[in-house]
């Protein structure tokens, strides 16, 4: 009986604040649109990175169910004095990156941190002038998710807060095609939690 009363209470609150439900629906739709667009790009022969034999059988990428618990507000602590370094990749290529800052956030009641990076040489394309590279591994890596880690695209915020949405995490290209050279997430970017959100490991059909 108590649980029913509690449910009715929170339902009434939701009805009193329809904006909350509308915002949630909008965010879920935004994530779904992002995932659908990635599916379309992979299915397009003119821009797909898939090998021909995989493209011919492609029916869509594997995604975890959208879960807004994995969409968090993170505090960005900038690290302006960080030293550039050569980031290992899946090939002999060693691009130069520099840590831009560290994200501090709470996920499943656990305090976590995740470094983010920028290309030390900058970006030629103006649309990437505020781009932050966020690679990570977690306990799902190799057990549901791609073992080599996943990436999230971020933008430098004006202040010190940004949205970190693991529902938008994606695999490096080398997860689909070995001819690509992909950065390997540094050990500092290994999260001691299971991130069951975003893209799953690629499976051949």
N, C-alpha and C. Protein backbone atom coordinates (compact mmCIF):
# COMPACT_ATOMS: atom_id res chain seq x y z
N UNK A 1 0.84 -1.20 0.00
CA UNK A 1 0.00 0.00 0.00
C UNK A 1 0.87 1.25 0.00
N UNK A 2 1.94 1.21 0.80
CA UNK A 2 2.83 2.37 0.89
C UNK A 2 3.46 2.67 -0.45
N UNK A 3 3.85 1.61 -1.19
CA UNK A 3 4.49 1.81 -2.49
C UNK A 3 3.52 2.43 -3.49
N UNK A 4 2.24 2.04 -3.40
CA UNK A 4 1.22 2.60 -4.30
C UNK A 4 1.04 4.09 -4.02
N UNK A 5 1.00 4.44 -2.74
CA UNK A 5 0.86 5.85 -2.36
C UNK A 5 2.04 6.65 -2.87
N UNK A 6 3.24 6.09 -2.71
CA UNK A 6 4.45 6.77 -3.17
C UNK A 6 4.41 6.98 -4.67
N UNK A 7 3.96 5.95 -5.43
CA UNK A 7 3.86 6.05 -6.87
C UNK A 7 2.87 7.12 -7.28
N UNK A 8 1.73 7.16 -6.62
CA UNK A 8 0.72 8.18 -6.92
C UNK A 8 1.24 9.57 -6.62
N UNK A 9 2.02 9.69 -5.54
CA UNK A 9 2.58 10.98 -5.15
C UNK A 9 3.52 11.52 -6.23
N UNK A 10 4.44 10.66 -6.69
CA UNK A 10 5.39 11.11 -7.71
C UNK A 10 4.71 11.31 -9.06
N UNK A 11 3.66 10.53 -9.34
CA UNK A 11 2.91 10.73 -10.57
C UNK A 11 2.23 12.09 -10.57
N UNK A 12 1.70 12.47 -9.40
CA UNK A 12 1.04 13.77 -9.30
C UNK A 12 2.04 14.90 -9.48
N UNK A 13 3.24 14.70 -8.96
CA UNK A 13 4.28 15.72 -9.14
C UNK A 13 4.62 15.87 -10.61
N UNK A 14 4.69 14.76 -11.33
CA UNK A 14 5.02 14.80 -12.74
C UNK A 14 3.94 15.52 -13.52
N UNK A 15 2.68 15.28 -13.15
CA UNK A 15 1.58 15.95 -13.82
C UNK A 15 1.60 17.44 -13.55
N UNK A 16 2.04 17.82 -12.35
CA UNK A 16 2.12 19.23 -12.00
C UNK A 16 3.28 19.91 -12.73
N UNK A 17 4.26 19.13 -13.18
CA UNK A 17 5.43 19.69 -13.84
C UNK A 17 5.63 18.98 -15.18
N UNK A 18 4.75 19.24 -16.16
CA UNK A 18 4.85 18.56 -17.45
C UNK A 18 6.15 18.87 -18.18
N UNK A 19 6.78 20.01 -17.84
CA UNK A 19 8.03 20.38 -18.50
C UNK A 19 9.10 19.33 -18.24
N UNK A 20 9.08 18.73 -17.04
CA UNK A 20 10.06 17.70 -16.70
C UNK A 20 9.94 16.52 -17.65
N UNK A 21 8.70 16.06 -17.86
CA UNK A 21 8.46 14.94 -18.77
C UNK A 21 8.81 15.32 -20.20
N UNK A 22 8.45 16.55 -20.60
CA UNK A 22 8.74 17.00 -21.95
C UNK A 22 10.24 17.07 -22.19
N UNK A 23 10.99 17.58 -21.22
CA UNK A 23 12.44 17.68 -21.36
C UNK A 23 13.06 16.30 -21.47
N UNK A 24 12.57 15.36 -20.68
CA UNK A 24 13.09 13.99 -20.73
C UNK A 24 12.83 13.38 -22.10
N UNK A 25 11.61 13.56 -22.61
CA UNK A 25 11.27 13.04 -23.93
C UNK A 25 12.14 13.68 -25.01
N UNK A 26 12.40 14.97 -24.87
CA UNK A 26 13.23 15.68 -25.86
C UNK A 26 14.65 15.14 -25.87
N UNK A 27 15.19 14.91 -24.66
CA UNK A 27 16.56 14.41 -24.55
C UNK A 27 16.67 13.00 -25.13
N UNK A 28 15.68 12.15 -24.80
CA UNK A 28 15.69 10.78 -25.32
C UNK A 28 15.61 10.81 -26.85
N UNK A 29 14.77 11.68 -27.40
CA UNK A 29 14.64 11.78 -28.85
C UNK A 29 15.93 12.28 -29.48
N UNK A 30 16.60 13.22 -28.82
CA UNK A 30 17.88 13.74 -29.32
C UNK A 30 18.93 12.62 -29.40
N UNK A 31 18.97 11.79 -28.36
CA UNK A 31 19.91 10.66 -28.35
C UNK A 31 19.54 9.67 -29.44
N UNK A 32 18.24 9.38 -29.58
CA UNK A 32 17.80 8.45 -30.61
C UNK A 32 18.15 8.96 -32.00
N UNK A 33 17.98 10.26 -32.23
CA UNK A 33 18.32 10.85 -33.52
C UNK A 33 19.81 10.70 -33.80
N UNK A 34 20.63 10.91 -32.77
CA UNK A 34 22.08 10.77 -32.90
C UNK A 34 22.44 9.33 -33.31
N UNK A 35 21.84 8.36 -32.64
CA UNK A 35 22.13 6.96 -32.94
C UNK A 35 21.61 6.58 -34.33
N UNK A 36 20.44 7.07 -34.69
CA UNK A 36 19.88 6.77 -36.01
C UNK A 36 20.75 7.34 -37.12
N UNK A 37 21.28 8.55 -36.90
CA UNK A 37 22.13 9.18 -37.90
C UNK A 37 23.41 8.38 -38.10
N UNK A 38 23.97 7.85 -37.01
CA UNK A 38 25.17 7.02 -37.13
C UNK A 38 24.86 5.74 -37.89
N UNK A 39 23.70 5.15 -37.63
CA UNK A 39 23.28 3.97 -38.38
C UNK A 39 23.20 4.26 -39.88
N UNK A 40 22.64 5.43 -40.22
CA UNK A 40 22.51 5.79 -41.63
C UNK A 40 23.88 5.97 -42.29
N UNK A 41 24.81 6.58 -41.57
CA UNK A 41 26.15 6.78 -42.12
C UNK A 41 26.84 5.45 -42.38
N UNK A 42 26.69 4.51 -41.46
CA UNK A 42 27.31 3.20 -41.64
C UNK A 42 26.66 2.43 -42.79
N UNK A 43 25.38 2.68 -43.03
CA UNK A 43 24.67 1.96 -44.09
C UNK A 43 24.89 2.57 -45.47
N UNK A 44 25.42 3.79 -45.52
CA UNK A 44 25.62 4.51 -46.78
C UNK A 44 26.92 4.06 -47.44
N UNK A 45 26.85 3.41 -48.59
CA UNK A 45 28.07 2.90 -49.24
C UNK A 45 29.09 3.99 -49.54
N UNK A 46 28.64 5.23 -49.71
CA UNK A 46 29.55 6.31 -50.07
C UNK A 46 30.36 6.83 -48.89
N UNK A 47 29.91 6.58 -47.67
CA UNK A 47 30.65 7.08 -46.51
C UNK A 47 30.89 6.03 -45.44
N UNK A 48 30.40 4.82 -45.63
CA UNK A 48 30.56 3.78 -44.62
C UNK A 48 32.03 3.35 -44.50
N UNK A 49 32.45 3.08 -43.26
CA UNK A 49 33.80 2.58 -43.02
C UNK A 49 33.82 1.05 -42.98
N UNK A 50 32.66 0.44 -43.11
CA UNK A 50 32.58 -1.02 -43.04
C UNK A 50 33.26 -1.68 -44.24
N UNK A 51 33.80 -2.85 -44.00
CA UNK A 51 34.34 -3.64 -45.10
C UNK A 51 33.17 -4.12 -45.97
N UNK A 52 33.39 -4.29 -47.27
CA UNK A 52 32.29 -4.65 -48.19
C UNK A 52 31.47 -5.85 -47.72
N UNK A 53 32.14 -6.85 -47.18
CA UNK A 53 31.40 -8.04 -46.76
C UNK A 53 30.50 -7.77 -45.55
N UNK A 54 30.90 -6.81 -44.71
CA UNK A 54 30.06 -6.45 -43.56
C UNK A 54 28.93 -5.51 -43.98
N UNK A 55 29.25 -4.60 -44.91
CA UNK A 55 28.25 -3.65 -45.37
C UNK A 55 27.09 -4.36 -46.06
N UNK A 56 27.39 -5.41 -46.79
CA UNK A 56 26.35 -6.11 -47.54
C UNK A 56 25.32 -6.77 -46.62
N UNK A 57 25.71 -7.01 -45.37
CA UNK A 57 24.80 -7.66 -44.42
C UNK A 57 24.39 -6.73 -43.27
N UNK A 58 24.76 -5.46 -43.37
CA UNK A 58 24.55 -4.52 -42.27
C UNK A 58 23.07 -4.23 -42.06
N UNK A 59 22.64 -4.37 -40.79
CA UNK A 59 21.24 -4.11 -40.43
C UNK A 59 21.12 -3.06 -39.33
N UNK A 60 22.23 -2.45 -38.98
CA UNK A 60 22.21 -1.45 -37.92
C UNK A 60 23.23 -1.77 -36.86
N UNK A 61 23.68 -0.74 -36.15
CA UNK A 61 24.65 -0.91 -35.08
C UNK A 61 23.97 -1.45 -33.83
N UNK A 62 24.76 -1.97 -32.93
CA UNK A 62 24.24 -2.51 -31.68
C UNK A 62 24.36 -1.45 -30.58
N UNK A 63 23.24 -1.08 -30.01
CA UNK A 63 23.22 -0.04 -28.98
C UNK A 63 22.63 -0.59 -27.68
N UNK A 64 23.17 -0.12 -26.58
CA UNK A 64 22.50 -0.37 -25.31
C UNK A 64 21.20 0.45 -25.28
N UNK A 65 20.19 0.02 -24.52
CA UNK A 65 18.98 0.84 -24.39
C UNK A 65 19.33 2.22 -23.84
N UNK A 66 18.68 3.24 -24.35
CA UNK A 66 18.92 4.60 -23.86
C UNK A 66 18.58 4.68 -22.38
N UNK A 67 19.51 5.19 -21.60
CA UNK A 67 19.35 5.27 -20.15
C UNK A 67 19.89 6.61 -19.68
N UNK A 68 19.00 7.49 -19.24
CA UNK A 68 19.41 8.84 -18.86
C UNK A 68 20.20 8.87 -17.56
N UNK A 69 20.30 7.73 -16.86
CA UNK A 69 21.18 7.67 -15.70
C UNK A 69 22.63 7.83 -16.12
N UNK A 70 22.91 7.55 -17.39
CA UNK A 70 24.26 7.66 -17.92
C UNK A 70 24.49 8.99 -18.63
N UNK A 71 23.62 9.93 -18.40
CA UNK A 71 23.78 11.30 -18.89
C UNK A 71 23.95 12.18 -17.66
N UNK A 72 25.14 12.70 -17.45
CA UNK A 72 25.44 13.40 -16.21
C UNK A 72 26.03 14.77 -16.49
N UNK A 73 25.92 15.63 -15.50
CA UNK A 73 26.61 16.93 -15.56
C UNK A 73 27.97 16.78 -14.92
N UNK A 74 29.01 17.14 -15.64
CA UNK A 74 30.37 17.01 -15.15
C UNK A 74 30.99 18.38 -14.93
N UNK A 75 31.85 18.45 -13.93
CA UNK A 75 32.61 19.68 -13.68
C UNK A 75 33.97 19.56 -14.36
N UNK A 76 34.30 20.54 -15.17
CA UNK A 76 35.56 20.53 -15.90
C UNK A 76 36.61 21.35 -15.15
N UNK A 77 37.68 20.68 -14.75
CA UNK A 77 38.82 21.36 -14.15
C UNK A 77 39.92 21.42 -15.19
N UNK A 78 40.18 22.59 -15.71
CA UNK A 78 41.18 22.75 -16.77
C UNK A 78 42.59 22.52 -16.25
N UNK A 79 43.45 22.00 -17.13
CA UNK A 79 44.85 21.72 -16.77
C UNK A 79 45.75 22.43 -17.79
N UNK A 80 45.86 23.76 -17.69
CA UNK A 80 46.59 24.54 -18.71
C UNK A 80 48.08 24.25 -18.79
N UNK A 81 48.64 23.68 -17.74
CA UNK A 81 50.08 23.41 -17.74
C UNK A 81 50.43 21.98 -18.11
N UNK A 82 49.47 21.25 -18.64
CA UNK A 82 49.72 19.85 -19.00
C UNK A 82 50.76 19.77 -20.13
N UNK A 83 51.56 18.73 -20.10
CA UNK A 83 52.60 18.53 -21.11
C UNK A 83 52.07 17.67 -22.26
N UNK A 84 52.25 18.10 -23.50
CA UNK A 84 51.83 17.28 -24.64
C UNK A 84 52.53 15.93 -24.63
N UNK A 85 51.86 14.94 -25.19
CA UNK A 85 52.44 13.59 -25.22
C UNK A 85 51.99 12.88 -26.49
N UNK A 86 52.68 11.81 -26.83
CA UNK A 86 52.33 11.01 -28.00
C UNK A 86 51.40 9.89 -27.56
N UNK A 87 50.18 9.93 -28.07
CA UNK A 87 49.18 8.94 -27.67
C UNK A 87 49.32 7.67 -28.52
N UNK A 88 49.46 6.50 -27.89
CA UNK A 88 49.53 5.25 -28.65
C UNK A 88 48.25 5.01 -29.45
N UNK A 89 48.40 4.34 -30.56
CA UNK A 89 47.25 3.98 -31.39
C UNK A 89 47.34 2.49 -31.73
N UNK A 90 46.40 2.03 -32.50
CA UNK A 90 46.38 0.63 -32.90
C UNK A 90 47.40 0.33 -34.00
N UNK A 91 48.08 1.37 -34.49
CA UNK A 91 49.16 1.20 -35.47
C UNK A 91 50.40 1.90 -34.91
N UNK A 92 51.39 2.11 -35.76
CA UNK A 92 52.61 2.78 -35.32
C UNK A 92 52.46 4.29 -35.24
N UNK A 93 51.34 4.81 -35.71
CA UNK A 93 51.09 6.25 -35.67
C UNK A 93 51.02 6.73 -34.22
N UNK A 94 51.60 7.89 -33.92
CA UNK A 94 51.58 8.46 -32.58
C UNK A 94 51.21 9.94 -32.65
N UNK A 95 49.91 10.25 -32.67
CA UNK A 95 49.50 11.65 -32.71
C UNK A 95 49.80 12.36 -31.38
N UNK A 96 50.07 13.64 -31.46
CA UNK A 96 50.40 14.41 -30.26
C UNK A 96 49.13 15.04 -29.68
N UNK A 97 48.87 14.71 -28.44
CA UNK A 97 47.72 15.25 -27.73
C UNK A 97 48.20 15.96 -26.46
N UNK A 98 47.31 16.77 -25.91
CA UNK A 98 47.59 17.39 -24.63
C UNK A 98 46.31 17.33 -23.80
N UNK A 99 46.48 17.04 -22.52
CA UNK A 99 45.30 17.01 -21.65
C UNK A 99 44.76 18.43 -21.49
N UNK A 100 43.47 18.59 -21.79
CA UNK A 100 42.84 19.91 -21.64
C UNK A 100 42.30 20.10 -20.23
N UNK A 101 41.85 19.01 -19.64
CA UNK A 101 41.26 19.11 -18.31
C UNK A 101 40.82 17.75 -17.81
N UNK A 102 40.20 17.77 -16.66
CA UNK A 102 39.67 16.55 -16.05
C UNK A 102 38.20 16.77 -15.71
N UNK A 103 37.36 15.81 -16.09
CA UNK A 103 35.94 15.88 -15.77
C UNK A 103 35.68 15.14 -14.47
N UNK A 104 34.97 15.80 -13.57
CA UNK A 104 34.58 15.19 -12.30
C UNK A 104 33.06 15.05 -12.30
N UNK A 105 32.58 13.85 -12.00
CA UNK A 105 31.14 13.61 -12.06
C UNK A 105 30.77 12.42 -11.16
N UNK A 106 29.48 12.29 -10.93
CA UNK A 106 28.95 11.19 -10.12
C UNK A 106 28.10 10.30 -11.00
N UNK A 107 28.37 8.99 -10.93
CA UNK A 107 27.62 8.02 -11.70
C UNK A 107 27.31 6.83 -10.81
N UNK A 108 26.03 6.52 -10.67
CA UNK A 108 25.60 5.42 -9.80
C UNK A 108 26.17 5.59 -8.38
N UNK A 109 26.07 6.81 -7.90
CA UNK A 109 26.51 7.16 -6.54
C UNK A 109 28.02 7.00 -6.34
N UNK A 110 28.76 6.97 -7.42
CA UNK A 110 30.21 6.83 -7.33
C UNK A 110 30.88 8.06 -7.93
N UNK A 111 31.83 8.62 -7.19
CA UNK A 111 32.57 9.79 -7.66
C UNK A 111 33.65 9.33 -8.63
N UNK A 112 33.62 9.91 -9.86
CA UNK A 112 34.55 9.49 -10.90
C UNK A 112 35.23 10.69 -11.53
N UNK A 113 36.32 10.41 -12.23
CA UNK A 113 36.99 11.46 -12.98
C UNK A 113 37.49 10.90 -14.30
N UNK A 114 37.54 11.78 -15.31
CA UNK A 114 37.88 11.34 -16.65
C UNK A 114 38.61 12.46 -17.38
N UNK A 115 39.89 12.25 -17.71
CA UNK A 115 40.63 13.28 -18.46
C UNK A 115 40.07 13.44 -19.88
N UNK A 116 40.16 14.66 -20.41
CA UNK A 116 39.78 14.94 -21.79
C UNK A 116 40.96 15.63 -22.47
N UNK A 117 41.03 15.49 -23.79
CA UNK A 117 42.23 15.89 -24.52
C UNK A 117 41.91 16.75 -25.74
N UNK A 118 42.98 17.42 -26.22
CA UNK A 118 42.93 18.15 -27.48
C UNK A 118 44.14 17.77 -28.30
N UNK A 119 44.00 17.86 -29.61
CA UNK A 119 45.14 17.67 -30.49
C UNK A 119 46.13 18.79 -30.23
N UNK A 120 47.37 18.46 -29.91
CA UNK A 120 48.36 19.47 -29.55
C UNK A 120 48.68 20.41 -30.71
N UNK A 121 48.42 19.97 -31.94
CA UNK A 121 48.69 20.80 -33.12
C UNK A 121 47.48 21.64 -33.53
N UNK A 122 46.38 21.46 -32.83
CA UNK A 122 45.17 22.17 -33.20
C UNK A 122 44.43 21.48 -34.33
N UNK A 123 43.33 22.07 -34.75
CA UNK A 123 42.50 21.48 -35.80
C UNK A 123 42.37 22.45 -36.96
N UNK A 124 42.55 21.94 -38.18
CA UNK A 124 42.45 22.78 -39.36
C UNK A 124 41.01 23.18 -39.65
N UNK A 125 40.08 22.27 -39.35
CA UNK A 125 38.67 22.53 -39.62
C UNK A 125 38.09 23.43 -38.54
N UNK A 126 37.53 24.60 -38.91
CA UNK A 126 36.97 25.54 -37.93
C UNK A 126 35.90 24.93 -37.03
N UNK A 127 35.17 23.92 -37.52
CA UNK A 127 34.10 23.34 -36.71
C UNK A 127 34.65 22.54 -35.53
N UNK A 128 35.95 22.28 -35.52
CA UNK A 128 36.55 21.52 -34.43
C UNK A 128 37.39 22.41 -33.50
N UNK A 129 37.25 23.72 -33.63
CA UNK A 129 38.08 24.63 -32.84
C UNK A 129 37.87 24.45 -31.34
N UNK A 130 36.67 24.01 -30.93
CA UNK A 130 36.38 23.81 -29.50
C UNK A 130 36.17 22.34 -29.17
N UNK A 131 36.72 21.46 -29.99
CA UNK A 131 36.51 20.02 -29.83
C UNK A 131 37.37 19.43 -28.72
N UNK A 132 36.77 18.55 -27.93
CA UNK A 132 37.48 17.80 -26.89
C UNK A 132 37.33 16.31 -27.17
N UNK A 133 38.44 15.60 -27.05
CA UNK A 133 38.46 14.16 -27.30
C UNK A 133 38.38 13.44 -25.96
N UNK A 134 37.36 12.58 -25.81
CA UNK A 134 37.12 11.90 -24.55
C UNK A 134 37.08 10.38 -24.78
N UNK A 135 38.22 9.71 -24.71
CA UNK A 135 38.25 8.25 -24.82
C UNK A 135 38.11 7.61 -23.45
N UNK A 136 37.58 6.41 -23.39
CA UNK A 136 37.47 5.73 -22.09
C UNK A 136 37.34 4.22 -22.27
N UNK A 137 37.72 3.51 -21.25
CA UNK A 137 37.41 2.09 -21.11
C UNK A 137 36.66 1.92 -19.80
N UNK A 138 36.00 0.80 -19.63
CA UNK A 138 35.24 0.56 -18.41
C UNK A 138 35.08 -0.94 -18.25
N UNK A 139 34.33 -1.37 -17.26
CA UNK A 139 34.19 -2.80 -16.98
C UNK A 139 33.41 -3.53 -18.07
N UNK A 140 32.72 -2.81 -18.92
CA UNK A 140 32.01 -3.45 -20.02
C UNK A 140 32.92 -3.66 -21.23
N UNK A 141 34.10 -3.03 -21.23
CA UNK A 141 35.04 -3.18 -22.35
C UNK A 141 35.47 -4.63 -22.47
N UNK A 142 35.20 -5.24 -23.60
CA UNK A 142 35.50 -6.65 -23.80
C UNK A 142 34.42 -7.57 -23.27
N UNK A 143 33.38 -7.02 -22.68
CA UNK A 143 32.29 -7.81 -22.13
C UNK A 143 30.96 -7.11 -22.45
N UNK A 144 30.68 -7.02 -23.72
CA UNK A 144 29.48 -6.32 -24.19
C UNK A 144 29.85 -5.14 -25.05
N UNK A 145 30.84 -4.38 -24.61
CA UNK A 145 31.34 -3.25 -25.38
C UNK A 145 32.68 -3.61 -26.01
N UNK A 146 33.11 -2.81 -26.96
CA UNK A 146 34.37 -3.07 -27.65
C UNK A 146 35.53 -3.03 -26.67
N UNK A 147 36.40 -4.03 -26.75
CA UNK A 147 37.48 -4.15 -25.79
C UNK A 147 38.50 -3.04 -25.85
N UNK A 148 38.62 -2.37 -26.99
CA UNK A 148 39.59 -1.29 -27.13
C UNK A 148 39.11 0.05 -26.63
N UNK A 149 37.91 0.09 -26.04
CA UNK A 149 37.40 1.35 -25.50
C UNK A 149 36.46 2.06 -26.45
N UNK A 150 35.89 3.14 -25.96
CA UNK A 150 34.96 3.94 -26.74
C UNK A 150 35.31 5.41 -26.62
N UNK A 151 34.68 6.23 -27.47
CA UNK A 151 34.93 7.66 -27.49
C UNK A 151 33.62 8.43 -27.29
N UNK A 152 33.77 9.67 -26.78
CA UNK A 152 32.65 10.62 -26.72
C UNK A 152 33.17 11.95 -27.25
N UNK A 153 32.42 12.58 -28.13
CA UNK A 153 32.77 13.91 -28.64
C UNK A 153 32.20 14.97 -27.70
N UNK A 154 33.05 15.91 -27.31
CA UNK A 154 32.62 16.99 -26.43
C UNK A 154 33.06 18.34 -26.98
N UNK A 155 32.45 19.39 -26.47
CA UNK A 155 32.82 20.75 -26.84
C UNK A 155 33.24 21.53 -25.59
N UNK A 156 34.22 22.40 -25.75
CA UNK A 156 34.69 23.20 -24.62
C UNK A 156 33.56 24.11 -24.17
N UNK A 157 33.17 24.05 -22.90
CA UNK A 157 32.08 24.91 -22.42
C UNK A 157 32.60 26.31 -22.08
N UNK A 158 31.70 27.26 -22.00
CA UNK A 158 32.10 28.61 -21.61
C UNK A 158 32.48 28.65 -20.14
N UNK A 159 31.79 27.87 -19.33
CA UNK A 159 32.09 27.82 -17.90
C UNK A 159 32.84 26.56 -17.55
N UNK A 160 32.46 25.96 -16.41
CA UNK A 160 33.15 24.76 -15.96
C UNK A 160 32.20 23.56 -15.84
N UNK A 161 31.06 23.61 -16.54
CA UNK A 161 30.12 22.51 -16.52
C UNK A 161 29.79 22.08 -17.94
N UNK A 162 29.64 20.79 -18.13
CA UNK A 162 29.20 20.27 -19.42
C UNK A 162 28.45 18.97 -19.23
N UNK A 163 27.68 18.59 -20.24
CA UNK A 163 26.93 17.34 -20.20
C UNK A 163 27.80 16.22 -20.76
N UNK A 164 27.96 15.16 -19.97
CA UNK A 164 28.70 13.97 -20.39
C UNK A 164 27.67 12.86 -20.59
N UNK A 165 27.40 12.53 -21.85
CA UNK A 165 26.33 11.59 -22.17
C UNK A 165 26.92 10.31 -22.76
N UNK A 166 26.98 9.26 -21.94
CA UNK A 166 27.53 8.00 -22.40
C UNK A 166 26.61 7.29 -23.39
N UNK A 167 25.36 7.74 -23.51
CA UNK A 167 24.47 7.19 -24.53
C UNK A 167 24.96 7.54 -25.94
N UNK A 168 25.84 8.53 -26.04
CA UNK A 168 26.40 8.95 -27.32
C UNK A 168 27.82 8.45 -27.53
N UNK A 169 28.25 7.51 -26.70
CA UNK A 169 29.59 6.95 -26.90
C UNK A 169 29.60 6.06 -28.14
N UNK A 170 30.71 6.05 -28.82
CA UNK A 170 30.81 5.28 -30.07
C UNK A 170 32.16 4.57 -30.14
N UNK A 171 32.24 3.59 -31.01
CA UNK A 171 33.46 2.81 -31.17
C UNK A 171 34.45 3.50 -32.09
N UNK A 172 35.75 3.30 -31.87
CA UNK A 172 36.73 3.77 -32.85
C UNK A 172 36.57 3.00 -34.15
N UNK A 173 37.00 3.61 -35.24
CA UNK A 173 36.84 2.98 -36.55
C UNK A 173 37.48 1.60 -36.63
N UNK A 174 38.59 1.41 -35.91
CA UNK A 174 39.30 0.13 -35.99
C UNK A 174 38.49 -1.02 -35.40
N UNK A 175 37.40 -0.71 -34.71
CA UNK A 175 36.52 -1.77 -34.21
C UNK A 175 35.77 -2.44 -35.36
N UNK A 176 35.72 -1.75 -36.51
CA UNK A 176 35.00 -2.25 -37.67
C UNK A 176 35.92 -2.63 -38.83
N UNK A 177 37.07 -1.95 -38.87
CA UNK A 177 37.95 -2.14 -40.02
C UNK A 177 39.39 -1.89 -39.58
N UNK A 178 40.23 -2.92 -39.67
CA UNK A 178 41.59 -2.84 -39.14
C UNK A 178 42.50 -1.90 -39.92
N UNK A 179 42.04 -1.38 -41.05
CA UNK A 179 42.91 -0.48 -41.81
C UNK A 179 42.99 0.91 -41.19
N UNK A 180 42.14 1.17 -40.20
CA UNK A 180 42.15 2.47 -39.53
C UNK A 180 43.11 2.46 -38.33
N UNK A 181 43.65 3.64 -38.05
CA UNK A 181 44.55 3.83 -36.90
C UNK A 181 43.79 4.61 -35.84
N UNK A 182 43.60 4.01 -34.66
CA UNK A 182 42.75 4.62 -33.64
C UNK A 182 43.50 4.82 -32.32
N UNK A 183 43.35 5.98 -31.69
CA UNK A 183 43.96 6.21 -30.38
C UNK A 183 43.47 5.20 -29.35
N UNK A 184 44.40 4.73 -28.53
CA UNK A 184 44.08 3.81 -27.43
C UNK A 184 43.87 4.64 -26.16
N UNK A 185 42.74 4.51 -25.48
CA UNK A 185 42.50 5.30 -24.27
C UNK A 185 43.63 5.12 -23.25
N UNK A 186 44.18 6.23 -22.74
CA UNK A 186 45.21 6.13 -21.70
C UNK A 186 44.67 5.41 -20.46
N UNK A 187 45.57 4.85 -19.66
CA UNK A 187 45.14 4.11 -18.47
C UNK A 187 44.38 5.00 -17.50
N UNK A 188 44.66 6.31 -17.52
CA UNK A 188 43.94 7.23 -16.65
C UNK A 188 42.47 7.35 -17.01
N UNK A 189 42.12 6.88 -18.20
CA UNK A 189 40.75 6.97 -18.68
C UNK A 189 39.98 5.66 -18.53
N UNK A 190 40.49 4.78 -17.67
CA UNK A 190 39.79 3.53 -17.38
C UNK A 190 38.86 3.76 -16.19
N UNK A 191 37.57 3.66 -16.42
CA UNK A 191 36.58 3.91 -15.38
C UNK A 191 36.28 2.63 -14.61
N UNK A 192 36.30 2.67 -13.28
CA UNK A 192 36.04 1.47 -12.47
C UNK A 192 34.55 1.19 -12.28
N UNK A 193 33.81 1.28 -13.37
CA UNK A 193 32.36 1.01 -13.36
C UNK A 193 32.00 0.36 -14.70
N UNK A 194 30.79 -0.19 -14.77
CA UNK A 194 30.26 -0.74 -16.01
C UNK A 194 29.40 0.30 -16.68
N UNK A 195 29.75 0.69 -17.89
CA UNK A 195 28.97 1.68 -18.64
C UNK A 195 28.13 0.94 -19.68
N UNK A 196 26.90 0.61 -19.31
CA UNK A 196 26.01 -0.07 -20.23
C UNK A 196 25.12 0.96 -20.91
N UNK A 197 25.77 1.79 -21.71
CA UNK A 197 25.09 2.84 -22.46
C UNK A 197 25.91 3.12 -23.70
N UNK A 198 25.23 3.63 -24.73
CA UNK A 198 25.93 3.91 -25.96
C UNK A 198 26.11 2.68 -26.83
N UNK A 199 27.18 2.67 -27.59
CA UNK A 199 27.40 1.62 -28.57
C UNK A 199 27.93 0.34 -27.91
N UNK A 200 27.51 -0.78 -28.45
CA UNK A 200 28.03 -2.08 -28.03
C UNK A 200 29.13 -2.52 -29.00
N UNK A 201 29.72 -3.67 -28.73
CA UNK A 201 30.72 -4.23 -29.63
C UNK A 201 30.06 -4.54 -30.97
N UNK A 202 30.83 -4.38 -32.04
CA UNK A 202 30.32 -4.67 -33.36
C UNK A 202 30.27 -6.18 -33.56
N UNK A 203 29.14 -6.65 -34.11
CA UNK A 203 29.00 -8.08 -34.38
C UNK A 203 28.76 -8.27 -35.87
N UNK A 204 29.44 -9.18 -36.44
CA UNK A 204 29.24 -9.47 -37.85
C UNK A 204 27.93 -10.22 -38.03
N UNK A 205 27.24 -9.89 -39.06
CA UNK A 205 25.91 -10.47 -39.30
C UNK A 205 26.00 -11.67 -40.23
